[in-house]
N, C-alpha and C. Protein backbone atom coordinates (compact mmCIF):
# COMPACT_ATOMS: atom_id res chain seq x y z
N MET A 1 -44.32 -27.58 -26.48
CA MET A 1 -43.41 -27.98 -25.42
C MET A 1 -41.98 -27.97 -25.96
N GLN A 2 -41.07 -27.49 -25.14
CA GLN A 2 -39.66 -27.51 -25.52
C GLN A 2 -38.92 -28.52 -24.66
N ARG A 3 -37.93 -29.18 -25.28
CA ARG A 3 -37.10 -30.16 -24.59
C ARG A 3 -35.65 -29.97 -25.03
N PHE A 4 -34.74 -30.50 -24.19
CA PHE A 4 -33.32 -30.45 -24.53
C PHE A 4 -32.95 -31.67 -25.37
N PHE A 5 -32.14 -31.44 -26.41
CA PHE A 5 -31.68 -32.50 -27.30
C PHE A 5 -30.18 -32.37 -27.55
N LEU A 6 -29.57 -33.47 -27.94
CA LEU A 6 -28.17 -33.46 -28.33
C LEU A 6 -28.00 -32.51 -29.51
N LYS A 7 -27.12 -31.53 -29.36
CA LYS A 7 -26.80 -30.62 -30.46
C LYS A 7 -25.55 -31.09 -31.17
N SER A 8 -24.54 -31.48 -30.36
CA SER A 8 -23.30 -31.95 -30.96
C SER A 8 -22.47 -32.66 -29.90
N LYS A 9 -21.49 -33.41 -30.38
CA LYS A 9 -20.55 -34.02 -29.45
C LYS A 9 -19.22 -34.26 -30.13
N ILE A 10 -18.18 -34.24 -29.29
CA ILE A 10 -16.84 -34.63 -29.72
C ILE A 10 -16.59 -35.94 -28.99
N HIS A 11 -16.42 -37.00 -29.75
CA HIS A 11 -16.39 -38.35 -29.19
C HIS A 11 -14.97 -38.91 -29.12
N GLN A 12 -14.60 -39.42 -27.95
CA GLN A 12 -13.32 -40.08 -27.70
C GLN A 12 -12.13 -39.12 -27.73
N ALA A 13 -12.35 -37.86 -27.33
CA ALA A 13 -11.24 -36.92 -27.26
C ALA A 13 -10.31 -37.31 -26.11
N LYS A 14 -9.03 -37.07 -26.29
CA LYS A 14 -8.04 -37.41 -25.25
C LYS A 14 -7.66 -36.14 -24.50
N ILE A 15 -7.69 -36.21 -23.17
CA ILE A 15 -7.27 -35.08 -22.35
C ILE A 15 -5.76 -34.89 -22.55
N THR A 16 -5.37 -33.66 -22.92
CA THR A 16 -3.96 -33.37 -23.18
C THR A 16 -3.32 -32.55 -22.07
N GLN A 17 -4.14 -31.93 -21.24
CA GLN A 17 -3.58 -31.17 -20.12
C GLN A 17 -4.63 -31.02 -19.03
N ALA A 18 -4.15 -30.84 -17.81
CA ALA A 18 -5.01 -30.58 -16.65
C ALA A 18 -4.31 -29.55 -15.79
N ASP A 19 -5.00 -28.44 -15.52
CA ASP A 19 -4.42 -27.34 -14.77
C ASP A 19 -5.37 -26.96 -13.63
N LEU A 20 -5.13 -27.53 -12.47
CA LEU A 20 -6.00 -27.35 -11.31
C LEU A 20 -6.16 -25.89 -10.92
N TYR A 21 -5.13 -25.09 -11.08
CA TYR A 21 -5.19 -23.71 -10.59
C TYR A 21 -5.53 -22.70 -11.67
N TYR A 22 -5.92 -23.17 -12.85
CA TYR A 22 -6.42 -22.27 -13.89
C TYR A 22 -7.86 -21.90 -13.52
N GLU A 23 -8.32 -20.77 -13.98
CA GLU A 23 -9.64 -20.28 -13.62
C GLU A 23 -10.74 -21.01 -14.40
N GLY A 24 -11.02 -22.24 -14.05
CA GLY A 24 -12.15 -23.02 -14.55
C GLY A 24 -12.28 -23.20 -16.04
N SER A 25 -13.09 -24.17 -16.43
CA SER A 25 -13.51 -24.40 -17.81
C SER A 25 -12.82 -25.57 -18.49
N LEU A 26 -13.17 -25.76 -19.75
CA LEU A 26 -12.63 -26.81 -20.60
C LEU A 26 -12.05 -26.17 -21.84
N SER A 27 -10.76 -26.35 -22.08
CA SER A 27 -10.13 -25.83 -23.30
C SER A 27 -10.30 -26.85 -24.41
N ILE A 28 -10.75 -26.37 -25.58
CA ILE A 28 -10.91 -27.24 -26.75
C ILE A 28 -10.28 -26.55 -27.95
N ASP A 29 -9.51 -27.32 -28.71
CA ASP A 29 -8.94 -26.85 -29.98
C ASP A 29 -10.05 -26.14 -30.77
N LEU A 30 -9.78 -24.93 -31.23
CA LEU A 30 -10.77 -24.13 -31.95
C LEU A 30 -11.30 -24.85 -33.19
N ASP A 31 -10.46 -25.63 -33.88
CA ASP A 31 -10.94 -26.39 -35.04
C ASP A 31 -12.04 -27.38 -34.62
N LEU A 32 -11.82 -28.06 -33.50
CA LEU A 32 -12.82 -29.02 -33.02
C LEU A 32 -14.10 -28.30 -32.59
N MET A 33 -13.94 -27.16 -31.93
CA MET A 33 -15.11 -26.38 -31.52
C MET A 33 -15.97 -26.01 -32.73
N GLU A 34 -15.33 -25.52 -33.77
CA GLU A 34 -16.07 -25.09 -34.96
C GLU A 34 -16.77 -26.26 -35.63
N GLN A 35 -16.09 -27.38 -35.77
CA GLN A 35 -16.68 -28.53 -36.43
C GLN A 35 -17.82 -29.14 -35.61
N ALA A 36 -17.75 -29.02 -34.30
CA ALA A 36 -18.80 -29.55 -33.43
C ALA A 36 -19.88 -28.51 -33.15
N ASP A 37 -19.73 -27.31 -33.69
CA ASP A 37 -20.69 -26.23 -33.46
C ASP A 37 -20.84 -25.93 -31.96
N ILE A 38 -19.69 -25.78 -31.30
CA ILE A 38 -19.65 -25.41 -29.89
C ILE A 38 -19.01 -24.02 -29.81
N LEU A 39 -19.65 -23.10 -29.11
CA LEU A 39 -19.17 -21.73 -29.02
C LEU A 39 -18.42 -21.46 -27.73
N GLU A 40 -17.60 -20.43 -27.74
CA GLU A 40 -16.91 -19.99 -26.54
C GLU A 40 -17.93 -19.70 -25.43
N ASN A 41 -17.64 -20.15 -24.23
CA ASN A 41 -18.47 -19.98 -23.04
C ASN A 41 -19.75 -20.83 -23.04
N GLU A 42 -19.92 -21.68 -24.05
CA GLU A 42 -21.10 -22.54 -24.09
C GLU A 42 -21.00 -23.62 -23.01
N LYS A 43 -22.12 -23.92 -22.38
CA LYS A 43 -22.18 -24.98 -21.38
C LYS A 43 -22.10 -26.34 -22.08
N VAL A 44 -21.28 -27.23 -21.53
CA VAL A 44 -21.16 -28.60 -22.05
C VAL A 44 -21.17 -29.60 -20.90
N SER A 45 -21.54 -30.81 -21.22
CA SER A 45 -21.38 -31.94 -20.31
C SER A 45 -20.17 -32.72 -20.77
N VAL A 46 -19.42 -33.23 -19.81
CA VAL A 46 -18.22 -34.00 -20.12
C VAL A 46 -18.35 -35.35 -19.41
N VAL A 47 -18.11 -36.41 -20.17
CA VAL A 47 -18.17 -37.77 -19.64
C VAL A 47 -16.78 -38.38 -19.80
N ASN A 48 -16.19 -38.81 -18.69
CA ASN A 48 -14.87 -39.43 -18.74
C ASN A 48 -15.05 -40.94 -18.92
N ILE A 49 -14.61 -41.45 -20.04
CA ILE A 49 -14.76 -42.87 -20.36
C ILE A 49 -13.91 -43.73 -19.43
N ASN A 50 -12.75 -43.24 -19.03
CA ASN A 50 -11.84 -44.03 -18.21
C ASN A 50 -12.32 -44.24 -16.78
N ASN A 51 -12.90 -43.19 -16.17
CA ASN A 51 -13.25 -43.32 -14.75
C ASN A 51 -14.74 -43.13 -14.45
N GLY A 52 -15.53 -42.84 -15.47
CA GLY A 52 -16.97 -42.70 -15.26
C GLY A 52 -17.42 -41.35 -14.73
N GLU A 53 -16.48 -40.44 -14.46
CA GLU A 53 -16.85 -39.10 -13.96
C GLU A 53 -17.68 -38.36 -15.01
N ARG A 54 -18.63 -37.58 -14.52
CA ARG A 54 -19.43 -36.70 -15.37
C ARG A 54 -19.46 -35.32 -14.72
N PHE A 55 -19.37 -34.28 -15.54
CA PHE A 55 -19.47 -32.93 -14.98
C PHE A 55 -19.89 -31.97 -16.07
N GLU A 56 -20.32 -30.78 -15.64
CA GLU A 56 -20.67 -29.71 -16.56
C GLU A 56 -19.71 -28.56 -16.35
N THR A 57 -19.42 -27.87 -17.44
CA THR A 57 -18.55 -26.70 -17.37
C THR A 57 -18.83 -25.86 -18.61
N TYR A 58 -17.99 -24.88 -18.86
CA TYR A 58 -18.11 -24.06 -20.07
C TYR A 58 -16.82 -24.19 -20.86
N VAL A 59 -16.89 -23.80 -22.13
CA VAL A 59 -15.79 -24.00 -23.06
C VAL A 59 -15.02 -22.71 -23.30
N ILE A 60 -13.70 -22.85 -23.36
CA ILE A 60 -12.86 -21.75 -23.85
C ILE A 60 -12.05 -22.29 -25.03
N PRO A 61 -11.81 -21.43 -26.03
CA PRO A 61 -11.09 -21.91 -27.20
C PRO A 61 -9.62 -22.15 -26.91
N GLY A 62 -9.13 -23.28 -27.42
CA GLY A 62 -7.71 -23.60 -27.36
C GLY A 62 -7.07 -23.27 -28.70
N LYS A 63 -5.78 -23.32 -28.75
CA LYS A 63 -5.05 -22.99 -29.97
C LYS A 63 -5.52 -23.87 -31.13
N ARG A 64 -5.83 -23.19 -32.25
CA ARG A 64 -6.30 -23.87 -33.45
C ARG A 64 -5.25 -24.88 -33.94
N GLY A 65 -5.72 -26.10 -34.21
CA GLY A 65 -4.85 -27.13 -34.75
C GLY A 65 -3.96 -27.82 -33.74
N SER A 66 -4.09 -27.44 -32.47
CA SER A 66 -3.21 -27.99 -31.43
C SER A 66 -3.66 -29.35 -30.91
N GLY A 67 -4.95 -29.66 -31.07
CA GLY A 67 -5.49 -30.88 -30.51
C GLY A 67 -5.73 -30.78 -29.01
N ILE A 68 -5.63 -29.58 -28.45
CA ILE A 68 -5.75 -29.42 -27.00
C ILE A 68 -7.16 -29.76 -26.51
N ILE A 69 -7.20 -30.54 -25.47
CA ILE A 69 -8.39 -30.79 -24.66
C ILE A 69 -7.90 -30.65 -23.22
N GLY A 70 -8.23 -29.53 -22.59
CA GLY A 70 -7.67 -29.23 -21.28
C GLY A 70 -8.72 -29.10 -20.19
N LEU A 71 -8.53 -29.83 -19.11
CA LEU A 71 -9.39 -29.68 -17.94
C LEU A 71 -8.77 -28.59 -17.07
N ASN A 72 -9.57 -27.58 -16.77
CA ASN A 72 -9.07 -26.43 -16.02
C ASN A 72 -9.84 -26.25 -14.72
N GLY A 73 -9.16 -25.76 -13.69
CA GLY A 73 -9.79 -25.53 -12.41
C GLY A 73 -10.22 -26.84 -11.77
N ALA A 74 -11.34 -26.81 -11.06
CA ALA A 74 -11.81 -28.00 -10.34
C ALA A 74 -12.02 -29.19 -11.28
N ALA A 75 -12.34 -28.93 -12.54
CA ALA A 75 -12.54 -30.02 -13.51
C ALA A 75 -11.28 -30.87 -13.67
N ALA A 76 -10.13 -30.31 -13.35
CA ALA A 76 -8.87 -31.06 -13.47
C ALA A 76 -8.85 -32.27 -12.53
N ARG A 77 -9.70 -32.26 -11.53
CA ARG A 77 -9.79 -33.41 -10.62
C ARG A 77 -10.66 -34.54 -11.19
N LYS A 78 -11.34 -34.27 -12.31
CA LYS A 78 -12.27 -35.23 -12.89
C LYS A 78 -11.63 -36.14 -13.94
N GLY A 79 -10.36 -35.92 -14.24
CA GLY A 79 -9.69 -36.74 -15.23
C GLY A 79 -8.20 -36.51 -15.22
N ALA A 80 -7.50 -37.37 -15.94
CA ALA A 80 -6.04 -37.28 -16.04
C ALA A 80 -5.63 -37.19 -17.50
N VAL A 81 -4.49 -36.61 -17.73
CA VAL A 81 -3.95 -36.56 -19.10
C VAL A 81 -3.92 -37.98 -19.65
N GLY A 82 -4.44 -38.13 -20.85
CA GLY A 82 -4.51 -39.44 -21.49
C GLY A 82 -5.88 -40.08 -21.42
N ASP A 83 -6.72 -39.64 -20.45
CA ASP A 83 -8.08 -40.18 -20.38
C ASP A 83 -8.86 -39.79 -21.62
N ARG A 84 -9.81 -40.63 -21.99
CA ARG A 84 -10.71 -40.34 -23.11
C ARG A 84 -12.02 -39.79 -22.57
N ILE A 85 -12.53 -38.75 -23.24
CA ILE A 85 -13.77 -38.13 -22.82
C ILE A 85 -14.71 -37.93 -24.00
N ILE A 86 -15.97 -37.71 -23.66
CA ILE A 86 -16.99 -37.31 -24.63
C ILE A 86 -17.47 -35.93 -24.19
N ILE A 87 -17.45 -34.98 -25.10
CA ILE A 87 -17.89 -33.61 -24.83
C ILE A 87 -19.23 -33.43 -25.53
N ILE A 88 -20.27 -33.07 -24.76
CA ILE A 88 -21.63 -33.04 -25.28
C ILE A 88 -22.23 -31.65 -25.12
N SER A 89 -22.82 -31.12 -26.19
CA SER A 89 -23.58 -29.87 -26.10
C SER A 89 -25.04 -30.17 -26.45
N TYR A 90 -25.92 -29.36 -25.91
CA TYR A 90 -27.36 -29.58 -26.06
C TYR A 90 -28.01 -28.33 -26.61
N CYS A 91 -29.23 -28.49 -27.12
CA CYS A 91 -30.03 -27.35 -27.54
C CYS A 91 -31.46 -27.56 -27.09
N LEU A 92 -32.20 -26.50 -27.02
CA LEU A 92 -33.60 -26.53 -26.64
C LEU A 92 -34.42 -26.40 -27.91
N MET A 93 -35.34 -27.33 -28.13
CA MET A 93 -36.14 -27.31 -29.36
C MET A 93 -37.62 -27.50 -29.03
N ASP A 94 -38.44 -26.91 -29.87
CA ASP A 94 -39.88 -27.09 -29.79
C ASP A 94 -40.22 -28.40 -30.50
N ILE A 95 -40.79 -29.34 -29.77
CA ILE A 95 -41.04 -30.67 -30.35
C ILE A 95 -42.16 -30.66 -31.38
N ASN A 96 -42.88 -29.57 -31.50
CA ASN A 96 -43.94 -29.48 -32.51
C ASN A 96 -43.47 -28.78 -33.78
N SER A 97 -42.20 -28.47 -33.86
CA SER A 97 -41.68 -27.72 -35.01
C SER A 97 -41.15 -28.65 -36.09
N ASP A 98 -41.13 -28.14 -37.31
CA ASP A 98 -40.53 -28.89 -38.42
C ASP A 98 -39.03 -29.05 -38.20
N SER A 99 -38.40 -28.04 -37.58
CA SER A 99 -36.97 -28.13 -37.30
C SER A 99 -36.66 -29.35 -36.45
N TYR A 100 -37.45 -29.59 -35.42
CA TYR A 100 -37.21 -30.74 -34.56
C TYR A 100 -37.33 -32.05 -35.35
N LYS A 101 -38.34 -32.15 -36.18
CA LYS A 101 -38.60 -33.39 -36.91
C LYS A 101 -37.49 -33.75 -37.88
N ASN A 102 -36.74 -32.75 -38.35
CA ASN A 102 -35.69 -32.99 -39.34
C ASN A 102 -34.29 -32.77 -38.80
N TYR A 103 -34.17 -32.52 -37.52
CA TYR A 103 -32.88 -32.15 -36.93
C TYR A 103 -31.92 -33.33 -36.83
N LEU A 104 -30.65 -33.07 -37.13
CA LEU A 104 -29.57 -34.04 -36.97
C LEU A 104 -28.42 -33.36 -36.24
N PRO A 105 -27.92 -33.93 -35.15
CA PRO A 105 -26.79 -33.32 -34.42
C PRO A 105 -25.47 -33.52 -35.16
N ASN A 106 -24.47 -32.72 -34.79
CA ASN A 106 -23.10 -32.90 -35.30
C ASN A 106 -22.37 -33.88 -34.40
N VAL A 107 -21.74 -34.86 -34.97
CA VAL A 107 -20.92 -35.80 -34.21
C VAL A 107 -19.52 -35.76 -34.81
N VAL A 108 -18.55 -35.41 -33.99
CA VAL A 108 -17.16 -35.31 -34.43
C VAL A 108 -16.37 -36.44 -33.75
N LEU A 109 -15.85 -37.34 -34.55
CA LEU A 109 -15.01 -38.43 -34.04
C LEU A 109 -13.56 -38.04 -34.24
N VAL A 110 -12.74 -38.23 -33.19
CA VAL A 110 -11.33 -37.83 -33.27
C VAL A 110 -10.42 -39.04 -33.06
N ASP A 111 -9.18 -38.90 -33.51
CA ASP A 111 -8.19 -39.96 -33.34
C ASP A 111 -7.42 -39.76 -32.03
N GLU A 112 -6.37 -40.53 -31.84
CA GLU A 112 -5.59 -40.48 -30.59
C GLU A 112 -4.86 -39.15 -30.39
N ASN A 113 -4.77 -38.32 -31.45
CA ASN A 113 -4.14 -37.00 -31.33
C ASN A 113 -5.17 -35.87 -31.38
N ASN A 114 -6.44 -36.23 -31.20
CA ASN A 114 -7.54 -35.27 -31.26
C ASN A 114 -7.67 -34.59 -32.61
N LYS A 115 -7.28 -35.29 -33.65
CA LYS A 115 -7.49 -34.81 -35.02
C LYS A 115 -8.76 -35.46 -35.54
N ILE A 116 -9.49 -34.73 -36.33
CA ILE A 116 -10.79 -35.20 -36.82
C ILE A 116 -10.62 -36.40 -37.75
N LYS A 117 -11.33 -37.49 -37.39
CA LYS A 117 -11.38 -38.69 -38.24
C LYS A 117 -12.62 -38.66 -39.12
N GLU A 118 -13.72 -38.23 -38.53
CA GLU A 118 -14.99 -38.26 -39.24
C GLU A 118 -15.96 -37.29 -38.59
N ILE A 119 -16.80 -36.70 -39.43
CA ILE A 119 -17.88 -35.84 -38.96
C ILE A 119 -19.13 -36.33 -39.66
N TYR A 120 -20.20 -36.51 -38.90
CA TYR A 120 -21.41 -36.92 -39.57
C TYR A 120 -22.64 -36.23 -39.00
N ASN A 121 -23.70 -36.35 -39.72
CA ASN A 121 -25.02 -35.79 -39.51
C ASN A 121 -25.13 -34.39 -40.09
N THR A 122 -25.32 -33.36 -39.26
CA THR A 122 -25.64 -32.05 -39.78
C THR A 122 -24.60 -31.54 -40.78
N ILE A 123 -23.34 -31.74 -40.51
CA ILE A 123 -22.32 -31.21 -41.40
C ILE A 123 -22.33 -31.95 -42.74
N THR A 124 -22.60 -33.25 -42.72
CA THR A 124 -22.66 -33.99 -43.97
C THR A 124 -24.02 -33.83 -44.65
N ASN A 125 -24.98 -33.25 -43.94
CA ASN A 125 -26.29 -32.98 -44.49
C ASN A 125 -26.60 -31.50 -44.22
N PRO A 126 -26.04 -30.60 -45.05
CA PRO A 126 -26.14 -29.17 -44.75
C PRO A 126 -27.57 -28.64 -44.78
N ASN A 127 -28.53 -29.38 -45.31
CA ASN A 127 -29.92 -28.93 -45.33
C ASN A 127 -30.66 -29.27 -44.04
N SER A 128 -30.00 -29.97 -43.12
CA SER A 128 -30.62 -30.31 -41.85
C SER A 128 -30.82 -29.04 -41.04
N PRO A 129 -31.97 -28.92 -40.38
CA PRO A 129 -32.23 -27.73 -39.56
C PRO A 129 -31.23 -27.61 -38.41
N LYS A 130 -30.98 -26.39 -38.00
CA LYS A 130 -30.11 -26.11 -36.83
C LYS A 130 -31.00 -25.85 -35.63
N CYS A 131 -30.43 -26.02 -34.43
CA CYS A 131 -31.18 -25.69 -33.21
C CYS A 131 -31.48 -24.22 -33.19
């Protein structure tokens, strides 16, 4: 049997821009994407801590080192600049596999400028299986 599990998340990211008329998606600083193991066009869930909104969208890379977290298109209605969000990616795993039994997700904690404060689990344990 296969089930969906947390693959990675960027926790407490601050929305830095919202562009209602941009063609959809969520812009994320490329450094954050790489550290969280999130790829371009990957589906993510977004949880807005400030207003409780939840939505799904796909990711586009933002300028490396910029700290950008941008709500684009209709998603711009789900939050405001300055709101804190959690960006979550998932993977599908076979629950009978050794990979599942030893798997650890990537968790990226960021500061008020969306700079990495801490990364734990898979990245700090490079022998952990990947999805």
